Amino acid sequence: MLVEDIMTRDLEIIRKEDKVQEAFEKIIKKKIRHLPVMAADGSLDGIVTDRDIKEALPSALTWRDPRKREMFLNTMRVEELMTKDPITVRPSMGVQEAAKIMRKSKVGCLPVVDNKKLVGIVTGIDFLDAFINLLDRQG
């Protein structure tokens, strides 16, 4: 089984010049945790996660008013929070090898890049789905 067999192809993306508030809204609306940061040419600039955004915010106790949180997130650009040069995999890589990379690196996702273009993302959920499918086939 290859990464291309389990990766998510229909991606939500963000640009590095976009406001963090926009990234936050996409993460909440789509119920995702990882948002690839894509350049205009389709290459990968980085990745921003729900954790990156949460760590950038002051304590929730000081931000009870959602309008103040929104104002704060609108002052920051995605490139200020994103992980630049994230670990990536190729679509033709074996799933087992990709899972080992993810585990060793202790990351929650691996952007999938082919010929320097972002073509997908593989997450822990994708690996779990593949595992469940294998177990279902075994009966």
N, C-alpha and C. Protein backbone atom coordinates (compact mmCIF):
# COMPACT_ATOMS: atom_id res chain seq x y z
N MET A 1 0.85 -1.18 0.00
CA MET A 1 0.00 0.00 0.00
C MET A 1 0.90 1.24 0.00
N LEU A 2 0.50 2.23 -0.78
CA LEU A 2 1.27 3.45 -0.94
C LEU A 2 0.57 4.63 -0.28
N VAL A 3 1.33 5.68 -0.02
CA VAL A 3 0.77 6.90 0.56
C VAL A 3 -0.37 7.42 -0.30
N GLU A 4 -0.22 7.36 -1.62
CA GLU A 4 -1.27 7.88 -2.50
C GLU A 4 -2.59 7.12 -2.35
N ASP A 5 -2.53 5.91 -1.80
CA ASP A 5 -3.75 5.12 -1.59
C ASP A 5 -4.55 5.60 -0.38
N ILE A 6 -3.90 6.29 0.55
CA ILE A 6 -4.60 6.68 1.78
C ILE A 6 -4.64 8.19 2.01
N MET A 7 -3.87 8.95 1.24
CA MET A 7 -3.77 10.40 1.51
C MET A 7 -5.07 11.12 1.18
N THR A 8 -5.23 12.27 1.80
CA THR A 8 -6.34 13.17 1.51
C THR A 8 -5.90 14.07 0.36
N ARG A 9 -6.71 14.09 -0.70
CA ARG A 9 -6.36 14.87 -1.89
C ARG A 9 -7.09 16.20 -1.95
N ASP A 10 -8.28 16.24 -1.42
CA ASP A 10 -9.11 17.44 -1.44
C ASP A 10 -8.71 18.29 -0.23
N LEU A 11 -7.76 19.17 -0.45
CA LEU A 11 -7.13 19.90 0.66
C LEU A 11 -7.72 21.27 0.90
N GLU A 12 -7.81 21.61 2.16
CA GLU A 12 -7.99 22.99 2.56
C GLU A 12 -6.58 23.55 2.66
N ILE A 13 -6.36 24.69 2.08
CA ILE A 13 -5.02 25.30 2.14
C ILE A 13 -5.15 26.75 2.58
N ILE A 14 -4.00 27.31 2.91
CA ILE A 14 -3.91 28.71 3.30
C ILE A 14 -2.64 29.27 2.67
N ARG A 15 -2.54 30.55 2.57
CA ARG A 15 -1.32 31.21 2.05
C ARG A 15 -0.59 31.86 3.22
N LYS A 16 0.72 31.99 3.10
CA LYS A 16 1.50 32.53 4.22
C LYS A 16 1.15 33.98 4.53
N GLU A 17 0.65 34.72 3.55
CA GLU A 17 0.30 36.12 3.80
C GLU A 17 -1.09 36.30 4.38
N ASP A 18 -1.88 35.22 4.45
CA ASP A 18 -3.23 35.29 5.02
C ASP A 18 -3.15 35.51 6.53
N LYS A 19 -4.22 36.05 7.07
CA LYS A 19 -4.30 36.28 8.51
C LYS A 19 -4.53 34.96 9.25
N VAL A 20 -4.02 34.86 10.45
CA VAL A 20 -4.19 33.66 11.26
C VAL A 20 -5.66 33.42 11.56
N GLN A 21 -6.46 34.47 11.66
CA GLN A 21 -7.89 34.32 11.89
C GLN A 21 -8.53 33.47 10.79
N GLU A 22 -8.12 33.67 9.54
CA GLU A 22 -8.66 32.89 8.43
C GLU A 22 -8.28 31.41 8.58
N ALA A 23 -7.05 31.15 8.98
CA ALA A 23 -6.61 29.76 9.20
C ALA A 23 -7.43 29.14 10.33
N PHE A 24 -7.62 29.89 11.40
CA PHE A 24 -8.40 29.42 12.55
C PHE A 24 -9.82 29.07 12.13
N GLU A 25 -10.44 29.93 11.34
CA GLU A 25 -11.81 29.68 10.88
C GLU A 25 -11.89 28.43 10.01
N LYS A 26 -10.92 28.22 9.13
CA LYS A 26 -10.92 27.02 8.28
C LYS A 26 -10.77 25.76 9.13
N ILE A 27 -9.88 25.81 10.10
CA ILE A 27 -9.66 24.65 10.97
C ILE A 27 -10.93 24.30 11.74
N ILE A 28 -11.59 25.31 12.26
CA ILE A 28 -12.83 25.08 13.03
C ILE A 28 -13.95 24.59 12.10
N LYS A 29 -14.16 25.29 11.00
CA LYS A 29 -15.27 24.97 10.09
C LYS A 29 -15.13 23.57 9.49
N LYS A 30 -13.93 23.20 9.08
CA LYS A 30 -13.71 21.92 8.40
C LYS A 30 -13.36 20.78 9.38
N LYS A 31 -13.23 21.14 10.67
CA LYS A 31 -12.90 20.15 11.70
C LYS A 31 -11.62 19.39 11.35
N ILE A 32 -10.57 20.17 11.06
CA ILE A 32 -9.26 19.62 10.74
C ILE A 32 -8.24 20.17 11.72
N ARG A 33 -7.07 19.57 11.75
CA ARG A 33 -6.03 20.03 12.66
C ARG A 33 -4.79 20.54 11.95
N HIS A 34 -4.68 20.26 10.67
CA HIS A 34 -3.47 20.61 9.91
C HIS A 34 -3.86 21.34 8.64
N LEU A 35 -3.20 22.45 8.39
CA LEU A 35 -3.52 23.27 7.24
C LEU A 35 -2.24 23.56 6.46
N PRO A 36 -2.09 22.94 5.28
CA PRO A 36 -0.90 23.23 4.48
C PRO A 36 -0.89 24.69 4.02
N VAL A 37 0.31 25.25 4.00
CA VAL A 37 0.50 26.62 3.54
C VAL A 37 1.11 26.51 2.14
N MET A 38 0.33 26.91 1.13
CA MET A 38 0.74 26.71 -0.25
C MET A 38 1.14 28.02 -0.90
N ALA A 39 2.21 27.96 -1.67
CA ALA A 39 2.66 29.11 -2.45
C ALA A 39 1.84 29.22 -3.72
N ALA A 40 1.92 30.36 -4.37
CA ALA A 40 1.16 30.61 -5.60
C ALA A 40 1.49 29.60 -6.69
N ASP A 41 2.71 29.07 -6.70
CA ASP A 41 3.11 28.11 -7.74
C ASP A 41 2.73 26.67 -7.41
N GLY A 42 2.00 26.47 -6.29
CA GLY A 42 1.57 25.12 -5.92
C GLY A 42 2.54 24.38 -5.04
N SER A 43 3.69 24.98 -4.76
CA SER A 43 4.66 24.33 -3.87
C SER A 43 4.26 24.57 -2.42
N LEU A 44 4.87 23.83 -1.54
CA LEU A 44 4.56 23.89 -0.11
C LEU A 44 5.45 24.90 0.59
N ASP A 45 4.85 25.89 1.24
CA ASP A 45 5.60 26.86 2.03
C ASP A 45 5.77 26.40 3.47
N GLY A 46 4.79 25.65 3.99
CA GLY A 46 4.85 25.23 5.38
C GLY A 46 3.56 24.57 5.79
N ILE A 47 3.38 24.45 7.10
CA ILE A 47 2.15 23.88 7.66
C ILE A 47 1.81 24.64 8.93
N VAL A 48 0.55 24.89 9.14
CA VAL A 48 0.09 25.52 10.37
C VAL A 48 -0.96 24.59 10.97
N THR A 49 -0.90 24.42 12.28
CA THR A 49 -1.80 23.49 12.96
C THR A 49 -2.67 24.22 13.97
N ASP A 50 -3.70 23.50 14.41
CA ASP A 50 -4.54 24.06 15.46
C ASP A 50 -3.71 24.33 16.71
N ARG A 51 -2.75 23.50 16.97
CA ARG A 51 -1.88 23.69 18.14
C ARG A 51 -1.03 24.95 18.01
N ASP A 52 -0.52 25.22 16.80
CA ASP A 52 0.25 26.45 16.58
C ASP A 52 -0.58 27.68 16.95
N ILE A 53 -1.84 27.66 16.52
CA ILE A 53 -2.73 28.80 16.79
C ILE A 53 -3.04 28.89 18.27
N LYS A 54 -3.36 27.77 18.90
CA LYS A 54 -3.68 27.77 20.33
C LYS A 54 -2.50 28.26 21.16
N GLU A 55 -1.28 27.85 20.77
CA GLU A 55 -0.10 28.28 21.51
C GLU A 55 0.20 29.76 21.33
N ALA A 56 -0.25 30.34 20.22
CA ALA A 56 -0.03 31.77 19.98
C ALA A 56 -0.98 32.64 20.78
N LEU A 57 -2.12 32.08 21.15
CA LEU A 57 -3.12 32.85 21.89
C LEU A 57 -2.77 32.93 23.37
N PRO A 58 -3.02 34.06 23.98
CA PRO A 58 -2.92 34.12 25.44
C PRO A 58 -3.96 33.19 26.07
N SER A 59 -3.88 33.00 27.33
CA SER A 59 -4.80 32.13 28.05
C SER A 59 -6.26 32.44 27.73
N ALA A 60 -7.06 31.39 27.62
CA ALA A 60 -8.50 31.56 27.36
C ALA A 60 -9.17 32.37 28.47
N LEU A 61 -8.61 32.35 29.65
CA LEU A 61 -9.18 33.11 30.76
C LEU A 61 -9.09 34.62 30.52
N THR A 62 -8.09 35.03 29.75
CA THR A 62 -7.94 36.45 29.47
C THR A 62 -8.65 36.86 28.17
N TRP A 63 -9.12 35.87 27.42
CA TRP A 63 -9.76 36.14 26.13
C TRP A 63 -11.17 35.59 26.09
N ARG A 64 -11.97 35.91 27.07
CA ARG A 64 -13.35 35.41 27.11
C ARG A 64 -14.20 35.98 25.98
N ASP A 65 -13.87 37.16 25.54
CA ASP A 65 -14.63 37.83 24.47
C ASP A 65 -14.09 37.37 23.12
N PRO A 66 -14.88 36.63 22.34
CA PRO A 66 -14.41 36.13 21.04
C PRO A 66 -14.01 37.24 20.07
N ARG A 67 -14.59 38.42 20.23
CA ARG A 67 -14.22 39.54 19.34
C ARG A 67 -12.78 39.97 19.57
N LYS A 68 -12.34 39.95 20.82
CA LYS A 68 -10.96 40.32 21.13
C LYS A 68 -9.99 39.28 20.56
N ARG A 69 -10.37 38.01 20.66
CA ARG A 69 -9.53 36.94 20.11
C ARG A 69 -9.41 37.11 18.59
N GLU A 70 -10.54 37.39 17.95
CA GLU A 70 -10.55 37.58 16.50
C GLU A 70 -9.68 38.77 16.11
N MET A 71 -9.78 39.86 16.85
CA MET A 71 -8.95 41.03 16.57
C MET A 71 -7.47 40.67 16.69
N PHE A 72 -7.12 39.91 17.72
CA PHE A 72 -5.74 39.51 17.93
C PHE A 72 -5.25 38.64 16.77
N LEU A 73 -6.05 37.65 16.38
CA LEU A 73 -5.65 36.74 15.30
C LEU A 73 -5.57 37.45 13.95
N ASN A 74 -6.30 38.55 13.81
CA ASN A 74 -6.24 39.32 12.57
C ASN A 74 -5.00 40.21 12.50
N THR A 75 -4.24 40.30 13.57
CA THR A 75 -3.01 41.09 13.54
C THR A 75 -1.81 40.26 13.11
N MET A 76 -1.98 38.94 13.04
CA MET A 76 -0.86 38.04 12.72
C MET A 76 -1.07 37.38 11.37
N ARG A 77 0.04 37.19 10.66
CA ARG A 77 -0.01 36.46 9.39
C ARG A 77 0.41 35.01 9.63
N VAL A 78 -0.08 34.13 8.78
CA VAL A 78 0.18 32.69 8.90
C VAL A 78 1.68 32.41 8.95
N GLU A 79 2.47 33.11 8.16
CA GLU A 79 3.91 32.84 8.13
C GLU A 79 4.59 33.05 9.49
N GLU A 80 3.96 33.80 10.38
CA GLU A 80 4.53 34.02 11.71
C GLU A 80 4.40 32.78 12.59
N LEU A 81 3.45 31.90 12.28
CA LEU A 81 3.19 30.72 13.10
C LEU A 81 3.58 29.41 12.44
N MET A 82 3.59 29.40 11.13
CA MET A 82 3.73 28.13 10.41
C MET A 82 5.09 27.49 10.64
N THR A 83 5.11 26.18 10.48
CA THR A 83 6.36 25.43 10.46
C THR A 83 6.86 25.47 9.03
N LYS A 84 8.04 26.07 8.86
CA LYS A 84 8.63 26.13 7.53
C LYS A 84 9.36 24.81 7.26
N ASP A 85 9.40 24.41 6.03
CA ASP A 85 10.08 23.18 5.61
C ASP A 85 9.65 21.96 6.42
N PRO A 86 8.35 21.67 6.45
CA PRO A 86 7.92 20.47 7.19
C PRO A 86 8.43 19.20 6.50
N ILE A 87 8.46 18.13 7.26
CA ILE A 87 8.82 16.83 6.71
C ILE A 87 7.73 16.44 5.72
N THR A 88 8.14 16.00 4.54
CA THR A 88 7.18 15.62 3.51
C THR A 88 7.46 14.19 3.04
N VAL A 89 6.48 13.64 2.34
CA VAL A 89 6.64 12.32 1.73
C VAL A 89 6.16 12.39 0.29
N ARG A 90 6.53 11.37 -0.46
CA ARG A 90 6.09 11.25 -1.86
C ARG A 90 4.86 10.36 -1.93
N PRO A 91 4.02 10.53 -2.93
CA PRO A 91 2.83 9.67 -3.05
C PRO A 91 3.20 8.20 -3.28
N SER A 92 4.37 7.97 -3.86
CA SER A 92 4.81 6.60 -4.16
C SER A 92 5.49 5.90 -2.99
N MET A 93 5.64 6.59 -1.87
CA MET A 93 6.27 5.98 -0.69
C MET A 93 5.32 4.96 -0.06
N GLY A 94 5.88 3.91 0.47
CA GLY A 94 5.08 2.91 1.16
C GLY A 94 4.47 3.48 2.43
N VAL A 95 3.28 3.04 2.75
CA VAL A 95 2.56 3.51 3.93
C VAL A 95 3.35 3.20 5.20
N GLN A 96 3.94 2.02 5.27
CA GLN A 96 4.69 1.64 6.47
C GLN A 96 5.88 2.59 6.70
N GLU A 97 6.60 2.93 5.64
CA GLU A 97 7.72 3.84 5.77
C GLU A 97 7.25 5.22 6.21
N ALA A 98 6.16 5.71 5.63
CA ALA A 98 5.61 7.01 6.00
C ALA A 98 5.17 7.02 7.47
N ALA A 99 4.53 5.95 7.90
CA ALA A 99 4.09 5.85 9.30
C ALA A 99 5.29 5.88 10.23
N LYS A 100 6.36 5.22 9.86
CA LYS A 100 7.58 5.23 10.69
C LYS A 100 8.17 6.63 10.78
N ILE A 101 8.17 7.34 9.67
CA ILE A 101 8.68 8.73 9.66
C ILE A 101 7.83 9.60 10.58
N MET A 102 6.52 9.44 10.46
CA MET A 102 5.60 10.23 11.28
C MET A 102 5.80 9.94 12.76
N ARG A 103 5.95 8.67 13.09
CA ARG A 103 6.13 8.26 14.48
C ARG A 103 7.46 8.74 15.04
N LYS A 104 8.52 8.54 14.27
CA LYS A 104 9.85 8.95 14.72
C LYS A 104 9.94 10.46 14.90
N SER A 105 9.31 11.19 14.00
CA SER A 105 9.36 12.66 14.04
C SER A 105 8.35 13.25 15.00
N LYS A 106 7.41 12.42 15.46
CA LYS A 106 6.36 12.87 16.39
C LYS A 106 5.58 14.05 15.81
N VAL A 107 5.14 13.87 14.56
CA VAL A 107 4.30 14.87 13.92
C VAL A 107 2.94 14.26 13.64
N GLY A 108 1.93 15.11 13.49
CA GLY A 108 0.57 14.63 13.29
C GLY A 108 0.17 14.49 11.84
N CYS A 109 1.03 14.96 10.93
CA CYS A 109 0.70 14.84 9.51
C CYS A 109 1.98 14.93 8.69
N LEU A 110 1.85 14.48 7.47
CA LEU A 110 2.93 14.59 6.50
C LEU A 110 2.34 15.13 5.19
N PRO A 111 2.73 16.33 4.78
CA PRO A 111 2.31 16.80 3.46
C PRO A 111 2.89 15.87 2.39
N VAL A 112 2.12 15.65 1.34
CA VAL A 112 2.55 14.77 0.26
C VAL A 112 2.91 15.67 -0.94
N VAL A 113 4.15 15.55 -1.39
CA VAL A 113 4.67 16.41 -2.43
C VAL A 113 5.17 15.56 -3.59
N ASP A 114 4.83 15.97 -4.81
CA ASP A 114 5.28 15.29 -6.01
C ASP A 114 5.78 16.35 -6.99
N ASN A 115 7.03 16.22 -7.43
CA ASN A 115 7.64 17.22 -8.32
C ASN A 115 7.51 18.63 -7.76
N LYS A 116 7.78 18.77 -6.47
CA LYS A 116 7.76 20.05 -5.74
C LYS A 116 6.37 20.66 -5.60
N LYS A 117 5.32 19.92 -5.97
CA LYS A 117 3.95 20.42 -5.85
C LYS A 117 3.23 19.65 -4.75
N LEU A 118 2.45 20.37 -3.96
CA LEU A 118 1.63 19.75 -2.91
C LEU A 118 0.47 19.01 -3.58
N VAL A 119 0.38 17.70 -3.31
CA VAL A 119 -0.68 16.90 -3.94
C VAL A 119 -1.61 16.26 -2.91
N GLY A 120 -1.26 16.34 -1.64
CA GLY A 120 -2.10 15.73 -0.62
C GLY A 120 -1.50 15.89 0.76
N ILE A 121 -2.15 15.23 1.71
CA ILE A 121 -1.67 15.21 3.09
C ILE A 121 -2.08 13.87 3.67
N VAL A 122 -1.23 13.33 4.50
CA VAL A 122 -1.56 12.09 5.19
C VAL A 122 -1.46 12.37 6.69
N THR A 123 -2.50 11.98 7.42
CA THR A 123 -2.58 12.25 8.86
C THR A 123 -2.73 10.94 9.62
N GLY A 124 -2.67 11.04 10.91
CA GLY A 124 -2.90 9.87 11.76
C GLY A 124 -4.26 9.25 11.50
N ILE A 125 -5.26 10.06 11.21
CA ILE A 125 -6.60 9.55 10.91
C ILE A 125 -6.57 8.71 9.63
N ASP A 126 -5.81 9.15 8.63
CA ASP A 126 -5.69 8.38 7.39
C ASP A 126 -5.07 7.01 7.65
N PHE A 127 -4.07 6.98 8.52
CA PHE A 127 -3.45 5.69 8.88
C PHE A 127 -4.44 4.81 9.64
N LEU A 128 -5.20 5.40 10.54
CA LEU A 128 -6.21 4.62 11.28
C LEU A 128 -7.27 4.06 10.33
N ASP A 129 -7.73 4.89 9.39
CA ASP A 129 -8.71 4.42 8.41
C ASP A 129 -8.16 3.25 7.59
N ALA A 130 -6.91 3.34 7.18
CA ALA A 130 -6.29 2.25 6.41
C ALA A 130 -6.21 0.99 7.26
N PHE A 131 -5.85 1.14 8.52
CA PHE A 131 -5.76 0.00 9.44
C PHE A 131 -7.14 -0.65 9.63
N ILE A 132 -8.15 0.15 9.82
CA ILE A 132 -9.52 -0.37 9.99
C ILE A 132 -9.96 -1.11 8.73
N ASN A 133 -9.67 -0.54 7.56
CA ASN A 133 -10.02 -1.20 6.30
C ASN A 133 -9.33 -2.55 6.16
N LEU A 134 -8.08 -2.61 6.55
CA LEU A 134 -7.36 -3.90 6.50
C LEU A 134 -7.99 -4.93 7.44
N LEU A 135 -8.35 -4.49 8.63
CA LEU A 135 -8.98 -5.40 9.58
C LEU A 135 -10.35 -5.86 9.08
N ASP A 136 -11.10 -4.94 8.47
CA ASP A 136 -12.40 -5.30 7.92
C ASP A 136 -12.28 -6.35 6.82
N ARG A 137 -11.25 -6.22 5.99
CA ARG A 137 -11.04 -7.20 4.91
C ARG A 137 -10.69 -8.58 5.44
N GLN A 138 -10.04 -8.61 6.61
CA GLN A 138 -9.65 -9.88 7.20
C GLN A 138 -10.85 -10.56 7.89
N GLY A 139 -11.90 -9.80 8.09
CA GLY A 139 -13.11 -10.37 8.70
C GLY A 139 -13.08 -10.20 10.15
